[in-house]
Amino acid sequence: MDFTLYAVGDSLEEAKAKLIDQIDEYLYDAIEGDDKDYAPALLLRKAPWQDWAVFYIIDFLQRCRSLSEWLGEAFSPNIPHGPYRHA
């Protein structure tokens, strides 16, 4: 189901909690609340393709950022500074 709901938080956990609250409230309003006369339209609607495009662009950029951070750590060994001395 696509509800086109957004949540923003200072952390991933906060954003998830806010989104869960929004979904619960949306479903309650559509099924039992003031909007129950419009339940089929509210529960079966699809998010606009523009929203999906933005989602996938952000997801792609996040994955690229994570990959570049991982590659940066993997290929940057600690190299001692100063001249090398033979024992």
PDB file of N, CA and C in Angstrom:
ATOM      1  N   MET A   1       0.835  -1.185   0.000  1.00  0.00           N
ATOM      2  CA  MET A   1       0.000   0.000   0.000  1.00  0.00           C
ATOM      3  C   MET A   1       0.884   1.254   0.000  1.00  0.00           C
ATOM      4  N   ASP A   2       0.485   2.224  -0.736  1.00  0.00           N
ATOM      5  CA  ASP A   2       1.196   3.501  -0.809  1.00  0.00           C
ATOM      6  C   ASP A   2       0.318   4.560  -0.172  1.00  0.00           C
ATOM      7  N   PHE A   3       0.772   5.120   0.926  1.00  0.00           N
ATOM      8  CA  PHE A   3      -0.013   6.156   1.594  1.00  0.00           C
ATOM      9  C   PHE A   3       0.558   7.544   1.383  1.00  0.00           C
ATOM     10  N   THR A   4       1.742   7.651   0.801  1.00  0.00           N
ATOM     11  CA  THR A   4       2.427   8.922   0.597  1.00  0.00           C
ATOM     12  C   THR A   4       2.557   9.680   1.916  1.00  0.00           C
ATOM     13  N   LEU A   5       3.054   8.986   2.910  1.00  0.00           N
ATOM     14  CA  LEU A   5       3.293   9.601   4.213  1.00  0.00           C
ATOM     15  C   LEU A   5       4.794   9.784   4.377  1.00  0.00           C
ATOM     16  N   TYR A   6       5.171  10.856   5.043  1.00  0.00           N
ATOM     17  CA  TYR A   6       6.580  11.160   5.277  1.00  0.00           C
ATOM     18  C   TYR A   6       6.798  11.394   6.761  1.00  0.00           C
ATOM     19  N   ALA A   7       7.976  11.041   7.229  1.00  0.00           N
ATOM     20  CA  ALA A   7       8.345  11.315   8.617  1.00  0.00           C
ATOM     21  C   ALA A   7       9.817  11.688   8.654  1.00  0.00           C
ATOM     22  N   VAL A   8      10.127  12.655   9.460  1.00  0.00           N
ATOM     23  CA  VAL A   8      11.508  13.119   9.615  1.00  0.00           C
ATOM     24  C   VAL A   8      11.843  13.098  11.095  1.00  0.00           C
ATOM     25  N   GLY A   9      13.040  12.654  11.408  1.00  0.00           N
ATOM     26  CA  GLY A   9      13.478  12.638  12.802  1.00  0.00           C
ATOM     27  C   GLY A   9      14.964  12.881  12.886  1.00  0.00           C
ATOM     28  N   ASP A  10      15.436  13.083  14.097  1.00  0.00           N
ATOM     29  CA  ASP A  10      16.869  13.292  14.314  1.00  0.00           C
ATOM     30  C   ASP A  10      17.658  11.993  14.179  1.00  0.00           C
ATOM     31  N   SER A  11      16.960  10.859  14.252  1.00  0.00           N
ATOM     32  CA  SER A  11      17.596   9.561  14.086  1.00  0.00           C
ATOM     33  C   SER A  11      16.664   8.664  13.286  1.00  0.00           C
ATOM     34  N   LEU A  12      17.192   7.555  12.818  1.00  0.00           N
ATOM     35  CA  LEU A  12      16.382   6.611  12.070  1.00  0.00           C
ATOM     36  C   LEU A  12      15.260   6.061  12.943  1.00  0.00           C
ATOM     37  N   GLU A  13      15.557   5.771  14.191  1.00  0.00           N
ATOM     38  CA  GLU A  13      14.555   5.240  15.104  1.00  0.00           C
ATOM     39  C   GLU A  13      13.413   6.231  15.328  1.00  0.00           C
ATOM     40  N   GLU A  14      13.745   7.500  15.473  1.00  0.00           N
ATOM     41  CA  GLU A  14      12.726   8.531  15.673  1.00  0.00           C
ATOM     42  C   GLU A  14      11.848   8.666  14.428  1.00  0.00           C
ATOM     43  N   ALA A  15      12.462   8.660  13.254  1.00  0.00           N
ATOM     44  CA  ALA A  15      11.697   8.761  12.008  1.00  0.00           C
ATOM     45  C   ALA A  15      10.782   7.552  11.836  1.00  0.00           C
ATOM     46  N   LYS A  16      11.286   6.351  12.167  1.00  0.00           N
ATOM     47  CA  LYS A  16      10.461   5.147  12.075  1.00  0.00           C
ATOM     48  C   LYS A  16       9.271   5.226  13.022  1.00  0.00           C
ATOM     49  N   ALA A  17       9.519   5.656  14.256  1.00  0.00           N
ATOM     50  CA  ALA A  17       8.433   5.755  15.239  1.00  0.00           C
ATOM     51  C   ALA A  17       7.376   6.754  14.776  1.00  0.00           C
ATOM     52  N   LYS A  18       7.802   7.882  14.234  1.00  0.00           N
ATOM     53  CA  LYS A  18       6.849   8.879  13.738  1.00  0.00           C
ATOM     54  C   LYS A  18       6.052   8.336  12.555  1.00  0.00           C
ATOM     55  N   LEU A  19       6.721   7.601  11.673  1.00  0.00           N
ATOM     56  CA  LEU A  19       6.033   7.041  10.517  1.00  0.00           C
ATOM     57  C   LEU A  19       5.014   5.978  10.941  1.00  0.00           C
ATOM     58  N   ILE A  20       5.372   5.159  11.893  1.00  0.00           N
ATOM     59  CA  ILE A  20       4.432   4.157  12.410  1.00  0.00           C
ATOM     60  C   ILE A  20       3.207   4.835  13.011  1.00  0.00           C
ATOM     61  N   ASP A  21       3.420   5.903  13.766  1.00  0.00           N
ATOM     62  CA  ASP A  21       2.287   6.659  14.328  1.00  0.00           C
ATOM     63  C   ASP A  21       1.407   7.236  13.226  1.00  0.00           C
ATOM     64  N   GLN A  22       2.024   7.767  12.175  1.00  0.00           N
ATOM     65  CA  GLN A  22       1.258   8.327  11.060  1.00  0.00           C
ATOM     66  C   GLN A  22       0.438   7.246  10.358  1.00  0.00           C
ATOM     67  N   ILE A  23       1.033   6.082  10.156  1.00  0.00           N
ATOM     68  CA  ILE A  23       0.319   4.987   9.496  1.00  0.00           C
ATOM     69  C   ILE A  23      -0.865   4.541  10.349  1.00  0.00           C
ATOM     70  N   ASP A  24      -0.637   4.383  11.659  1.00  0.00           N
ATOM     71  CA  ASP A  24      -1.732   3.989  12.556  1.00  0.00           C
ATOM     72  C   ASP A  24      -2.879   4.990  12.504  1.00  0.00           C
ATOM     73  N   GLU A  25      -2.555   6.275  12.552  1.00  0.00           N
ATOM     74  CA  GLU A  25      -3.583   7.312  12.516  1.00  0.00           C
ATOM     75  C   GLU A  25      -4.298   7.331  11.167  1.00  0.00           C
ATOM     76  N   TYR A  26      -3.557   7.170  10.094  1.00  0.00           N
ATOM     77  CA  TYR A  26      -4.139   7.157   8.755  1.00  0.00           C
ATOM     78  C   TYR A  26      -5.125   5.995   8.617  1.00  0.00           C
ATOM     79  N   LEU A  27      -4.702   4.811   9.040  1.00  0.00           N
ATOM     80  CA  LEU A  27      -5.578   3.643   8.942  1.00  0.00           C
ATOM     81  C   LEU A  27      -6.809   3.787   9.818  1.00  0.00           C
ATOM     82  N   TYR A  28      -6.630   4.308  11.023  1.00  0.00           N
ATOM     83  CA  TYR A  28      -7.779   4.506  11.904  1.00  0.00           C
ATOM     84  C   TYR A  28      -8.778   5.470  11.261  1.00  0.00           C
ATOM     85  N   ASP A  29      -8.286   6.588  10.755  1.00  0.00           N
ATOM     86  CA  ASP A  29      -9.176   7.569  10.122  1.00  0.00           C
ATOM     87  C   ASP A  29      -9.890   6.973   8.910  1.00  0.00           C
ATOM     88  N   ALA A  30      -9.183   6.157   8.130  1.00  0.00           N
ATOM     89  CA  ALA A  30      -9.778   5.588   6.918  1.00  0.00           C
ATOM     90  C   ALA A  30     -10.775   4.473   7.228  1.00  0.00           C
ATOM     91  N   ILE A  31     -10.543   3.718   8.292  1.00  0.00           N
ATOM     92  CA  ILE A  31     -11.389   2.563   8.584  1.00  0.00           C
ATOM     93  C   ILE A  31     -12.491   2.875   9.591  1.00  0.00           C
ATOM     94  N   GLU A  32     -12.165   3.618  10.640  1.00  0.00           N
ATOM     95  CA  GLU A  32     -13.132   3.858  11.705  1.00  0.00           C
ATOM     96  C   GLU A  32     -13.457   5.332  11.933  1.00  0.00           C
ATOM     97  N   GLY A  33     -12.627   6.207  11.461  1.00  0.00           N
ATOM     98  CA  GLY A  33     -12.770   7.633  11.760  1.00  0.00           C
ATOM     99  C   GLY A  33     -13.676   8.370  10.802  1.00  0.00           C
ATOM    100  N   ASP A  34     -13.467   9.667  10.738  1.00  0.00           N
ATOM    101  CA  ASP A  34     -14.306  10.555   9.929  1.00  0.00           C
ATOM    102  C   ASP A  34     -14.241  10.257   8.431  1.00  0.00           C
ATOM    103  N   ASP A  35     -13.167   9.628   7.976  1.00  0.00           N
ATOM    104  CA  ASP A  35     -12.989   9.398   6.544  1.00  0.00           C
ATOM    105  C   ASP A  35     -13.417   8.008   6.092  1.00  0.00           C
ATOM    106  N   LYS A  36     -14.143   7.272   6.926  1.00  0.00           N
ATOM    107  CA  LYS A  36     -14.469   5.888   6.580  1.00  0.00           C
ATOM    108  C   LYS A  36     -15.337   5.778   5.322  1.00  0.00           C
ATOM    109  N   ASP A  37     -16.066   6.821   4.977  1.00  0.00           N
ATOM    110  CA  ASP A  37     -16.848   6.793   3.735  1.00  0.00           C
ATOM    111  C   ASP A  37     -15.940   6.750   2.503  1.00  0.00           C
ATOM    112  N   TYR A  38     -14.707   7.182   2.658  1.00  0.00           N
ATOM    113  CA  TYR A  38     -13.751   7.231   1.550  1.00  0.00           C
ATOM    114  C   TYR A  38     -12.678   6.140   1.664  1.00  0.00           C
ATOM    115  N   ALA A  39     -12.918   5.138   2.510  1.00  0.00           N
ATOM    116  CA  ALA A  39     -11.920   4.095   2.784  1.00  0.00           C
ATOM    117  C   ALA A  39     -11.366   3.440   1.526  1.00  0.00           C
ATOM    118  N   PRO A  40     -12.206   3.004   0.573  1.00  0.00           N
ATOM    119  CA  PRO A  40     -11.613   2.349  -0.614  1.00  0.00           C
ATOM    120  C   PRO A  40     -10.628   3.252  -1.361  1.00  0.00           C
ATOM    121  N   ALA A  41     -10.964   4.492  -1.521  1.00  0.00           N
ATOM    122  CA  ALA A  41     -10.065   5.410  -2.233  1.00  0.00           C
ATOM    123  C   ALA A  41      -8.791   5.667  -1.430  1.00  0.00           C
ATOM    124  N   LEU A  42      -8.923   5.792  -0.119  1.00  0.00           N
ATOM    125  CA  LEU A  42      -7.757   6.091   0.712  1.00  0.00           C
ATOM    126  C   LEU A  42      -6.835   4.887   0.863  1.00  0.00           C
ATOM    127  N   LEU A  43      -7.397   3.692   0.918  1.00  0.00           N
ATOM    128  CA  LEU A  43      -6.581   2.509   1.157  1.00  0.00           C
ATOM    129  C   LEU A  43      -5.994   1.911  -0.121  1.00  0.00           C
ATOM    130  N   LEU A  44      -6.544   2.248  -1.272  1.00  0.00           N
ATOM    131  CA  LEU A  44      -6.068   1.670  -2.522  1.00  0.00           C
ATOM    132  C   LEU A  44      -5.318   2.648  -3.415  1.00  0.00           C
ATOM    133  N   ARG A  45      -5.109   3.873  -2.937  1.00  0.00           N
ATOM    134  CA  ARG A  45      -4.427   4.855  -3.774  1.00  0.00           C
ATOM    135  C   ARG A  45      -2.940   4.540  -3.874  1.00  0.00           C
ATOM    136  N   LYS A  46      -2.356   4.979  -4.939  1.00  0.00           N
ATOM    137  CA  LYS A  46      -0.929   4.769  -5.181  1.00  0.00           C
ATOM    138  C   LYS A  46      -0.189   6.091  -5.062  1.00  0.00           C
ATOM    139  N   ALA A  47       1.041   6.006  -4.604  1.00  0.00           N
ATOM    140  CA  ALA A  47       1.876   7.198  -4.533  1.00  0.00           C
ATOM    141  C   ALA A  47       2.214   7.658  -5.947  1.00  0.00           C
ATOM    142  N   PRO A  48       2.312   8.971  -6.175  1.00  0.00           N
ATOM    143  CA  PRO A  48       2.688   9.472  -7.498  1.00  0.00           C
ATOM    144  C   PRO A  48       4.086   8.985  -7.891  1.00  0.00           C
ATOM    145  N   TRP A  49       4.302   8.805  -9.190  1.00  0.00           N
ATOM    146  CA  TRP A  49       5.597   8.301  -9.650  1.00  0.00           C
ATOM    147  C   TRP A  49       6.729   9.237  -9.273  1.00  0.00           C
ATOM    148  N   GLN A  50       6.441  10.535  -9.130  1.00  0.00           N
ATOM    149  CA  GLN A  50       7.489  11.493  -8.753  1.00  0.00           C
ATOM    150  C   GLN A  50       8.014  11.189  -7.348  1.00  0.00           C
ATOM    151  N   ASP A  51       7.113  10.798  -6.457  1.00  0.00           N
ATOM    152  CA  ASP A  51       7.536  10.442  -5.097  1.00  0.00           C
ATOM    153  C   ASP A  51       8.423   9.204  -5.112  1.00  0.00           C
ATOM    154  N   TRP A  52       8.045   8.214  -5.938  1.00  0.00           N
ATOM    155  CA  TRP A  52       8.876   7.016  -6.050  1.00  0.00           C
ATOM    156  C   TRP A  52      10.236   7.355  -6.650  1.00  0.00           C
ATOM    157  N   ALA A  53      10.270   8.231  -7.649  1.00  0.00           N
ATOM    158  CA  ALA A  53      11.537   8.623  -8.266  1.00  0.00           C
ATOM    159  C   ALA A  53      12.454   9.286  -7.238  1.00  0.00           C
ATOM    160  N   VAL A  54      11.910  10.198  -6.442  1.00  0.00           N
ATOM    161  CA  VAL A  54      12.710  10.861  -5.404  1.00  0.00           C
ATOM    162  C   VAL A  54      13.224   9.832  -4.401  1.00  0.00           C
ATOM    163  N   PHE A  55      12.345   8.902  -4.003  1.00  0.00           N
ATOM    164  CA  PHE A  55      12.742   7.861  -3.048  1.00  0.00           C
ATOM    165  C   PHE A  55      13.926   7.059  -3.586  1.00  0.00           C
ATOM    166  N   TYR A  56      13.834   6.600  -4.833  1.00  0.00           N
ATOM    167  CA  TYR A  56      14.903   5.770  -5.382  1.00  0.00           C
ATOM    168  C   TYR A  56      16.182   6.561  -5.630  1.00  0.00           C
ATOM    169  N   ILE A  57      16.079   7.827  -5.954  1.00  0.00           N
ATOM    170  CA  ILE A  57      17.278   8.663  -6.108  1.00  0.00           C
ATOM    171  C   ILE A  57      17.985   8.820  -4.763  1.00  0.00           C
ATOM    172  N   ILE A  58      17.218   9.116  -3.718  1.00  0.00           N
ATOM    173  CA  ILE A  58      17.812   9.261  -2.384  1.00  0.00           C
ATOM    174  C   ILE A  58      18.414   7.939  -1.922  1.00  0.00           C
ATOM    175  N   ASP A  59      17.707   6.842  -2.153  1.00  0.00           N
ATOM    176  CA  ASP A  59      18.217   5.523  -1.777  1.00  0.00           C
ATOM    177  C   ASP A  59      19.532   5.227  -2.498  1.00  0.00           C
ATOM    178  N   PHE A  60      19.579   5.517  -3.795  1.00  0.00           N
ATOM    179  CA  PHE A  60      20.799   5.297  -4.578  1.00  0.00           C
ATOM    180  C   PHE A  60      21.961   6.129  -4.034  1.00  0.00           C
ATOM    181  N   LEU A  61      21.706   7.405  -3.749  1.00  0.00           N
ATOM    182  CA  LEU A  61      22.767   8.278  -3.237  1.00  0.00           C
ATOM    183  C   LEU A  61      23.263   7.809  -1.875  1.00  0.00           C
ATOM    184  N   GLN A  62      22.355   7.353  -1.030  1.00  0.00           N
ATOM    185  CA  GLN A  62      22.753   6.834   0.282  1.00  0.00           C
ATOM    186  C   GLN A  62      23.631   5.598   0.126  1.00  0.00           C
ATOM    187  N   ARG A  63      23.238   4.717  -0.793  1.00  0.00           N
ATOM    188  CA  ARG A  63      24.039   3.507  -1.016  1.00  0.00           C
ATOM    189  C   ARG A  63      25.417   3.859  -1.570  1.00  0.00           C
ATOM    190  N   CYS A  64      25.500   4.832  -2.454  1.00  0.00           N
ATOM    191  CA  CYS A  64      26.796   5.277  -2.985  1.00  0.00           C
ATOM    192  C   CYS A  64      27.661   5.847  -1.874  1.00  0.00           C
ATOM    193  N   ARG A  65      27.045   6.635  -1.005  1.00  0.00           N
ATOM    194  CA  ARG A  65      27.793   7.228   0.108  1.00  0.00           C
ATOM    195  C   ARG A  65      28.329   6.145   1.043  1.00  0.00           C
ATOM    196  N   SER A  66      27.484   5.161   1.358  1.00  0.00           N
ATOM    197  CA  SER A  66      27.919   4.067   2.224  1.00  0.00           C
ATOM    198  C   SER A  66      29.049   3.284   1.587  1.00  0.00           C
ATOM    199  N   LEU A  67      28.927   3.030   0.279  1.00  0.00           N
ATOM    200  CA  LEU A  67      29.971   2.291  -0.432  1.00  0.00           C
ATOM    201  C   LEU A  67      31.272   3.072  -0.455  1.00  0.00           C
ATOM    202  N   SER A  68      31.205   4.371  -0.705  1.00  0.00           N
ATOM    203  CA  SER A  68      32.440   5.161  -0.755  1.00  0.00           C
ATOM    204  C   SER A  68      33.100   5.227   0.623  1.00  0.00           C
ATOM    205  N   GLU A  69      32.301   5.292   1.682  1.00  0.00           N
ATOM    206  CA  GLU A  69      32.876   5.283   3.031  1.00  0.00           C
ATOM    207  C   GLU A  69      33.547   3.945   3.311  1.00  0.00           C
ATOM    208  N   TRP A  70      32.892   2.848   2.899  1.00  0.00           N
ATOM    209  CA  TRP A  70      33.466   1.529   3.115  1.00  0.00           C
ATOM    210  C   TRP A  70      34.757   1.363   2.317  1.00  0.00           C
ATOM    211  N   LEU A  71      34.749   1.788   1.050  1.00  0.00           N
ATOM    212  CA  LEU A  71      35.948   1.694   0.231  1.00  0.00           C
ATOM    213  C   LEU A  71      37.071   2.552   0.786  1.00  0.00           C
ATOM    214  N   GLY A  72      36.720   3.731   1.289  1.00  0.00           N
ATOM    215  CA  GLY A  72      37.734   4.607   1.871  1.00  0.00           C
ATOM    216  C   GLY A  72      38.417   3.967   3.070  1.00  0.00           C
ATOM    217  N   GLU A  73      37.646   3.257   3.883  1.00  0.00           N
ATOM    218  CA  GLU A  73      38.216   2.571   5.041  1.00  0.00           C
ATOM    219  C   GLU A  73      39.012   1.342   4.617  1.00  0.00           C
ATOM    220  N   ALA A  74      38.533   0.636   3.620  1.00  0.00           N
ATOM    221  CA  ALA A  74      39.187  -0.604   3.196  1.00  0.00           C
ATOM    222  C   ALA A  74      40.531  -0.356   2.524  1.00  0.00           C
ATOM    223  N   PHE A  75      40.676   0.757   1.804  1.00  0.00           N
ATOM    224  CA  PHE A  75      41.883   1.005   1.042  1.00  0.00           C
ATOM    225  C   PHE A  75      42.751   2.130   1.593  1.00  0.00           C
ATOM    226  N   SER A  76      42.594   2.451   2.839  1.00  0.00           N
ATOM    227  CA  SER A  76      43.466   3.471   3.427  1.00  0.00           C
ATOM    228  C   SER A  76      44.099   2.916   4.703  1.00  0.00           C
ATOM    229  N   PRO A  77      45.085   2.058   4.536  1.00  0.00           N
ATOM    230  CA  PRO A  77      45.746   1.505   5.725  1.00  0.00           C
ATOM    231  C   PRO A  77      46.547   2.594   6.440  1.00  0.00           C
ATOM    232  N   ASN A  78      46.759   2.363   7.700  1.00  0.00           N
ATOM    233  CA  ASN A  78      47.567   3.305   8.487  1.00  0.00           C
ATOM    234  C   ASN A  78      49.034   3.142   8.083  1.00  0.00           C
ATOM    235  N   ILE A  79      49.607   4.185   7.540  1.00  0.00           N
ATOM    236  CA  ILE A  79      51.002   4.171   7.116  1.00  0.00           C
ATOM    237  C   ILE A  79      51.782   5.043   8.101  1.00  0.00           C
ATOM    238  N   PRO A  80      52.830   4.446   8.679  1.00  0.00           N
ATOM    239  CA  PRO A  80      53.582   5.239   9.650  1.00  0.00           C
ATOM    240  C   PRO A  80      54.309   6.399   8.978  1.00  0.00           C
ATOM    241  N   HIS A  81      54.367   7.504   9.676  1.00  0.00           N
ATOM    242  CA  HIS A  81      55.057   8.677   9.167  1.00  0.00           C
ATOM    243  C   HIS A  81      56.500   8.679   9.618  1.00  0.00           C
ATOM    244  N   GLY A  82      57.351   9.246   8.818  1.00  0.00           N
ATOM    245  CA  GLY A  82      58.763   9.339   9.179  1.00  0.00           C
ATOM    246  C   GLY A  82      59.590   8.325   8.419  1.00  0.00           C
ATOM    247  N   PRO A  83      60.909   8.415   8.544  1.00  0.00           N
ATOM    248  CA  PRO A  83      61.780   7.508   7.804  1.00  0.00           C
ATOM    249  C   PRO A  83      61.694   6.086   8.353  1.00  0.00           C
ATOM    250  N   TYR A  84      61.911   5.144   7.471  1.00  0.00           N
ATOM    251  CA  TYR A  84      61.910   3.731   7.861  1.00  0.00           C
ATOM    252  C   TYR A  84      63.296   3.386   8.384  1.00  0.00           C
ATOM    253  N   ARG A  85      63.373   2.728   9.533  1.00  0.00           N
ATOM    254  CA  ARG A  85      64.660   2.340  10.122  1.00  0.00           C
ATOM    255  C   ARG A  85      64.768   0.833  10.148  1.00  0.00           C
ATOM    256  N   HIS A  86      65.886   0.364   9.621  1.00  0.00           N
ATOM    257  CA  HIS A  86      66.138  -1.083   9.648  1.00  0.00           C
ATOM    258  C   HIS A  86      66.579  -1.472  11.042  1.00  0.00           C
ATOM    259  N   ALA A  87      66.180  -2.647  11.441  1.00  0.00           N
ATOM    260  CA  ALA A  87      66.550  -3.110  12.775  1.00  0.00           C
ATOM    261  C   ALA A  87      67.922  -3.727  12.806  1.00  0.00           C
TER     262      ALA A  87
END
